Amino acid sequence: MDVSVLISPAAGRGRARARAGAVVAALRSAGLTPHVLPATTGADAERQAEVAVREGTGAVVAVGGDGTAHAALQAVAGTPTPLVVVPAGTGNDLALALGVPTDPLQAARSAAADLLAGRSRAMDAGRTGNRWWATVLCCGFDSAVTDRANRLRWPRGRRRYDVAVLVELARLRPLEMTLSLDGEARTLAATMVAVGNTPWYGGGLKICPGADLGDGLFDVTVVAAGRRLDLIRTRPRLADGTHVQHPAVSVYRATRVELSCAGVTTYADGEPVAPLPATSECVPGAVRVAGTDGATIR
């Protein structure tokens, strides 16, 4: 079976590039024929993956973090071609949600076994305009942090996000946002809104703890406008999802989410998706995935 391999040279501060040769060798020794796509940008990766899917590749293997998986997703969503996630990035939230082995070589071998046996799993995906996403779409404080971190050139790695958080906390202002859930609209003052297809974002933060990638629904976490101190105190609780117990946090479920707020951009899988206003839909079973937790394969 021929498979196409996307490798992000920047993911995990070079971790993906460093492990790429071993991952490709593991796929080959398991019985697959891997073809590395020579993409150097996200746009190149999307175009080359789309061509590979159109020409009948057996799978698209994303070696990197959530951004690499996001690029591959644009090609495989809505097709029978499986997505394989080999975690080698700074944030590996999709791999975490899928139960993919954390070791890249083990993940590659697990995926190869599934592909050769014809096993794959259907998962839901979000669609906003013409963009697909897999994990969490966010806007407000966290999208501002992501945007700020992407523009910083120092420090490197996850510490950029720590600096970005401090800068955006100093600039924190409540947003007047219109939120429509399956056609039921409300206008509110919010710090942030997170639309979850899976529970995790931001490298293991459980922002939407009840989200299930196979139920056909988004979990929508809304953090109401409040004091900076409240946000600082609540943020550490994102690690285990207990922030949803805070009185300023509300959780909803919906298949279609419309968001409107002036001057705000949404991010999903750590990538910019669309400026508001924007409508997101949960598309049941939009993606086939291989190499996930064996107990969930069907």
Protein backbone atom coordinates (compact mmCIF):
# COMPACT_ATOMS: atom_id res chain seq x y z
CA MET A 1 0.00 0.00 0.00
CA ASP A 2 1.33 3.44 -0.99
CA VAL A 3 0.92 6.17 1.64
CA SER A 4 1.74 9.87 1.49
CA VAL A 5 3.75 11.39 4.33
CA LEU A 6 3.57 15.05 5.38
CA ILE A 7 6.44 16.16 7.61
CA SER A 8 6.53 19.56 9.31
CA PRO A 9 10.17 20.72 9.55
CA ALA A 10 9.26 23.22 12.27
CA ALA A 11 6.97 21.06 14.45
CA GLY A 12 8.14 20.36 17.97
CA ARG A 13 11.12 22.73 17.48
CA GLY A 14 12.54 20.32 14.88
CA ARG A 15 11.41 17.09 16.58
CA ALA A 16 9.31 16.04 13.57
CA ARG A 17 12.20 16.57 11.17
CA ALA A 18 14.59 14.69 13.46
CA ARG A 19 12.29 11.66 13.71
CA ALA A 20 11.10 11.71 10.09
CA GLY A 21 13.65 9.25 8.73
CA ALA A 22 12.94 6.71 11.46
CA VAL A 23 9.16 7.09 11.01
CA VAL A 24 9.42 6.54 7.24
CA ALA A 25 11.65 3.50 7.83
CA ALA A 26 9.14 2.10 10.34
CA LEU A 27 6.31 2.45 7.83
CA ARG A 28 8.39 0.75 5.14
CA SER A 29 9.51 -2.12 7.36
CA ALA A 30 5.89 -2.70 8.39
CA GLY A 31 4.96 -3.33 4.74
CA LEU A 32 3.86 0.07 3.43
CA THR A 33 5.40 2.13 0.61
CA PRO A 34 5.77 5.68 1.97
CA HIS A 35 6.15 8.70 -0.31
CA VAL A 36 7.31 11.88 1.43
CA LEU A 37 5.56 15.00 0.13
CA PRO A 38 8.19 17.76 -0.34
CA ALA A 39 6.08 20.55 1.15
CA THR A 40 7.79 23.50 2.80
CA THR A 41 4.70 25.55 3.73
CA GLY A 42 1.22 24.78 5.02
CA ALA A 43 -0.31 25.79 1.68
CA ASP A 44 2.09 23.47 -0.17
CA ALA A 45 1.23 20.66 2.21
CA GLU A 46 -2.49 21.07 1.60
CA ARG A 47 -2.10 21.17 -2.19
CA GLN A 48 0.20 18.16 -2.34
CA ALA A 49 -1.96 16.12 0.01
CA GLU A 50 -5.04 16.93 -2.08
CA VAL A 51 -3.26 15.70 -5.23
CA ALA A 52 -2.16 12.53 -3.44
CA VAL A 53 -5.72 11.79 -2.30
CA ARG A 54 -7.07 12.46 -5.77
CA GLU A 55 -4.52 10.06 -7.25
CA GLY A 56 -5.53 7.29 -4.83
CA THR A 57 -3.00 7.25 -1.99
CA GLY A 58 -3.80 4.69 0.69
CA ALA A 59 -3.52 7.24 3.53
CA VAL A 60 -2.10 10.63 4.43
CA VAL A 61 0.37 10.39 7.33
CA ALA A 62 0.88 13.65 9.24
CA VAL A 63 4.20 13.69 11.13
CA GLY A 64 4.19 16.74 13.40
CA GLY A 65 1.71 18.54 15.61
CA ASP A 66 -1.87 19.69 15.25
CA GLY A 67 -0.94 22.13 12.48
CA THR A 68 0.40 19.31 10.32
CA ALA A 69 -2.72 17.25 10.96
CA HIS A 70 -4.80 20.32 10.10
CA ALA A 71 -3.10 20.56 6.68
CA ALA A 72 -3.69 16.87 6.00
CA LEU A 73 -7.30 17.17 7.14
CA GLN A 74 -8.10 19.59 4.31
CA ALA A 75 -7.31 16.79 1.84
CA VAL A 76 -8.89 13.75 3.52
CA ALA A 77 -12.08 15.17 5.06
CA GLY A 78 -15.14 13.97 3.20
CA THR A 79 -13.19 11.18 1.46
CA PRO A 80 -12.58 7.51 2.35
CA THR A 81 -8.81 8.12 2.55
CA PRO A 82 -7.64 7.62 6.16
CA LEU A 83 -5.69 10.18 8.15
CA VAL A 84 -2.77 8.93 10.26
CA VAL A 85 -1.43 11.18 13.03
CA VAL A 86 2.16 10.62 14.18
CA PRO A 87 2.66 12.99 17.14
CA ALA A 88 5.90 14.95 16.93
CA GLY A 89 4.82 18.53 17.60
CA THR A 90 4.60 20.99 20.47
CA GLY A 91 0.85 20.44 20.69
CA ASN A 92 -0.49 16.96 19.93
CA ASP A 93 -4.10 17.41 20.99
CA LEU A 94 -5.69 15.42 18.16
CA ALA A 95 -3.37 12.48 18.85
CA LEU A 96 -4.33 12.69 22.53
CA ALA A 97 -8.05 12.63 21.71
CA LEU A 98 -7.61 9.67 19.35
CA GLY A 99 -5.54 7.60 21.75
CA VAL A 100 -2.54 7.53 19.38
CA PRO A 101 0.68 6.19 20.97
CA THR A 102 2.84 9.08 22.14
CA ASP A 103 6.04 7.59 20.70
CA PRO A 104 6.27 8.44 16.97
CA LEU A 105 7.70 5.06 15.96
CA GLN A 106 5.06 3.15 17.90
CA ALA A 107 2.39 5.38 16.36
CA ALA A 108 3.73 4.64 12.86
CA ARG A 109 3.76 0.88 13.48
CA SER A 110 0.25 0.94 14.95
CA ALA A 111 -1.05 2.86 11.95
CA ALA A 112 0.64 0.51 9.49
CA ALA A 113 -0.96 -2.51 11.16
CA ASP A 114 -4.41 -0.89 10.92
CA LEU A 115 -3.97 0.16 7.30
CA LEU A 116 -2.77 -3.25 6.15
CA ALA A 117 -5.67 -4.91 8.00
CA GLY A 118 -8.19 -2.46 6.54
CA ARG A 119 -9.12 -1.02 9.95
CA SER A 120 -10.10 2.60 10.42
CA ARG A 121 -12.36 4.71 12.61
CA ALA A 122 -14.83 7.42 11.68
CA MET A 123 -14.53 10.71 13.54
CA ASP A 124 -16.51 13.94 13.32
CA ALA A 125 -14.89 17.13 12.06
CA GLY A 126 -15.76 20.80 12.22
CA ARG A 127 -16.25 22.85 9.08
CA THR A 128 -16.13 26.65 9.06
CA GLY A 129 -16.63 28.05 5.58
CA ASN A 130 -14.33 25.96 3.39
CA ARG A 131 -11.96 25.05 6.24
CA TRP A 132 -12.01 21.77 8.13
CA TRP A 133 -10.75 21.41 11.70
CA ALA A 134 -10.45 18.55 14.14
CA THR A 135 -10.01 19.71 17.74
CA VAL A 136 -11.26 23.05 19.13
CA LEU A 137 -12.20 26.33 17.46
CA CYS A 138 -11.72 29.30 19.78
CA CYS A 139 -12.19 33.03 19.73
CA GLY A 140 -11.67 35.81 22.23
CA PHE A 141 -8.86 35.76 24.76
CA ASP A 142 -7.31 32.48 23.61
CA SER A 143 -7.42 33.33 19.91
CA ALA A 144 -5.75 36.65 20.76
CA VAL A 145 -3.05 34.74 22.67
CA THR A 146 -2.48 32.40 19.71
CA ASP A 147 -2.30 35.31 17.30
CA ARG A 148 0.13 37.17 19.56
CA ALA A 149 2.31 34.06 20.02
CA ASN A 150 2.46 33.47 16.26
CA ARG A 151 3.79 37.03 15.79
CA LEU A 152 6.45 36.77 18.50
CA ARG A 153 9.96 35.80 17.45
CA TRP A 154 11.21 35.36 21.00
CA PRO A 155 11.23 33.30 23.12
CA ARG A 156 11.02 30.00 21.28
CA GLY A 157 8.67 27.09 21.91
CA ARG A 158 5.91 27.08 24.49
CA ARG A 159 7.40 30.03 26.40
CA ARG A 160 6.13 32.27 23.59
CA TYR A 161 2.61 31.41 24.76
CA ASP A 162 3.46 32.34 28.35
CA VAL A 163 4.61 35.78 27.17
CA ALA A 164 1.57 36.13 24.91
CA VAL A 165 -0.76 35.33 27.83
CA LEU A 166 0.81 38.07 29.94
CA VAL A 167 0.54 40.64 27.14
CA GLU A 168 -3.09 39.80 26.35
CA LEU A 169 -4.07 39.77 30.04
CA ALA A 170 -2.87 43.38 30.23
CA ARG A 171 -5.06 44.19 27.21
CA LEU A 172 -8.06 42.13 28.33
CA ARG A 173 -11.43 43.61 27.44
CA PRO A 174 -14.83 41.87 27.41
CA LEU A 175 -16.25 41.12 23.97
CA GLU A 176 -19.83 41.76 23.01
CA MET A 177 -20.55 38.60 21.09
CA THR A 178 -23.61 37.13 19.40
CA LEU A 179 -23.74 33.36 19.76
CA SER A 180 -26.30 31.26 17.92
CA LEU A 181 -26.65 27.57 18.79
CA ASP A 182 -28.76 25.58 16.32
CA GLY A 183 -30.63 28.78 15.47
CA GLU A 184 -31.15 30.04 19.04
CA ALA A 185 -29.32 33.36 19.34
CA ARG A 186 -28.12 35.28 22.38
CA THR A 187 -25.88 38.32 22.81
CA LEU A 188 -23.47 38.27 25.73
CA ALA A 189 -20.31 39.77 27.16
CA ALA A 190 -17.64 37.08 27.02
CA THR A 191 -13.94 36.64 27.56
CA MET A 192 -13.73 33.66 25.22
CA VAL A 193 -15.75 30.99 23.44
CA ALA A 194 -14.41 27.51 22.61
CA VAL A 195 -16.24 25.18 20.22
CA GLY A 196 -15.01 21.66 20.89
CA ASN A 197 -15.06 18.62 18.63
CA THR A 198 -12.54 17.06 21.04
CA PRO A 199 -11.78 18.00 24.67
CA TRP A 200 -8.21 19.31 24.34
CA TYR A 201 -6.43 22.29 22.86
CA GLY A 202 -3.27 24.32 23.53
CA GLY A 203 -1.09 21.28 24.24
CA GLY A 204 -3.29 19.30 26.64
CA LEU A 205 -5.67 21.90 28.11
CA LYS A 206 -9.10 20.30 28.61
CA ILE A 207 -11.21 23.27 27.55
CA CYS A 208 -14.27 21.20 26.49
CA PRO A 209 -14.07 18.19 28.84
CA GLY A 210 -17.30 16.56 27.66
CA ALA A 211 -16.59 16.76 23.92
CA ASP A 212 -16.82 13.46 22.02
CA LEU A 213 -15.44 13.19 18.49
CA GLY A 214 -18.07 10.60 17.55
CA ASP A 215 -21.39 12.04 18.81
CA GLY A 216 -22.19 14.49 16.00
CA LEU A 217 -22.24 17.47 18.39
CA PHE A 218 -19.97 20.29 19.46
CA ASP A 219 -19.44 21.14 23.13
CA VAL A 220 -19.38 24.93 23.44
CA THR A 221 -17.58 26.42 26.45
CA VAL A 222 -18.33 30.09 27.14
CA VAL A 223 -16.32 32.09 29.68
CA ALA A 224 -18.27 35.18 30.71
CA ALA A 225 -16.61 38.56 31.06
CA GLY A 226 -14.92 38.97 34.44
CA ARG A 227 -11.88 40.26 36.26
CA ARG A 228 -8.33 39.46 35.16
CA LEU A 229 -7.74 37.81 38.54
CA ASP A 230 -10.64 35.41 37.97
CA LEU A 231 -9.23 34.40 34.59
CA ILE A 232 -5.77 33.86 36.07
CA ARG A 233 -7.21 31.71 38.86
CA THR A 234 -9.43 29.69 36.52
CA ARG A 235 -6.87 29.01 33.79
CA PRO A 236 -4.86 26.33 35.70
CA ARG A 237 -8.09 24.33 36.08
CA LEU A 238 -8.11 23.83 32.31
CA ALA A 239 -5.62 20.99 32.81
CA ASP A 240 -8.27 18.67 34.27
CA GLY A 241 -11.43 20.35 32.98
CA THR A 242 -12.71 21.48 36.39
CA HIS A 243 -12.98 25.09 35.14
CA VAL A 244 -16.50 24.23 33.93
CA GLN A 245 -17.58 24.22 37.60
CA HIS A 246 -16.80 27.95 37.88
CA PRO A 247 -19.95 30.13 37.90
CA ALA A 248 -18.56 32.28 35.06
CA VAL A 249 -18.33 29.25 32.74
CA SER A 250 -21.28 27.85 30.77
CA VAL A 251 -21.34 24.75 28.55
CA TYR A 252 -23.75 24.10 25.68
CA ARG A 253 -24.12 21.46 22.96
CA ALA A 254 -25.03 22.10 19.34
CA THR A 255 -24.46 20.90 15.78
CA ARG A 256 -24.31 24.40 14.28
CA VAL A 257 -22.61 27.37 15.94
CA GLU A 258 -22.73 30.91 14.60
CA LEU A 259 -20.42 33.52 16.11
CA SER A 260 -20.37 37.23 15.47
CA CYS A 261 -18.07 39.87 17.00
CA ALA A 262 -16.26 42.79 15.39
CA GLY A 263 -12.50 42.50 14.93
CA VAL A 264 -12.12 38.89 16.12
CA THR A 265 -10.52 35.95 14.29
CA THR A 266 -11.16 32.28 15.06
CA TYR A 267 -8.39 29.72 15.44
CA ALA A 268 -8.69 25.92 15.33
CA ASP A 269 -5.98 23.25 15.60
CA GLY A 270 -3.73 26.22 16.40
CA GLU A 271 -4.28 27.67 12.90
CA PRO A 272 -6.25 30.76 11.78
CA VAL A 273 -9.58 29.67 10.32
CA ALA A 274 -11.89 32.64 9.68
CA PRO A 275 -12.71 36.14 10.88
CA LEU A 276 -16.08 36.64 12.55
CA PRO A 277 -18.89 36.44 11.69
CA ALA A 278 -18.53 32.73 10.95
CA THR A 279 -20.66 29.60 11.06
CA SER A 280 -19.28 26.22 12.13
CA GLU A 281 -20.97 22.88 11.57
CA CYS A 282 -20.18 19.50 13.10
CA VAL A 283 -20.02 16.98 10.23
CA PRO A 284 -20.55 13.44 11.59
CA GLY A 285 -18.05 10.82 10.43
CA ALA A 286 -16.30 13.24 8.08
CA VAL A 287 -12.84 11.69 8.51
CA ARG A 288 -11.47 8.15 8.64
CA VAL A 289 -8.48 7.71 10.98
CA ALA A 290 -6.09 4.82 11.50
CA GLY A 291 -3.58 4.03 14.22
CA THR A 292 -5.86 5.02 17.08
CA ASP A 293 -6.68 3.22 20.32
CA GLY A 294 -7.58 -0.33 19.28
CA ALA A 295 -10.57 -0.41 21.60
CA THR A 296 -12.25 2.36 19.63
CA ILE A 297 -11.65 1.00 16.13
CA ARG A 298 -14.72 -0.06 14.23
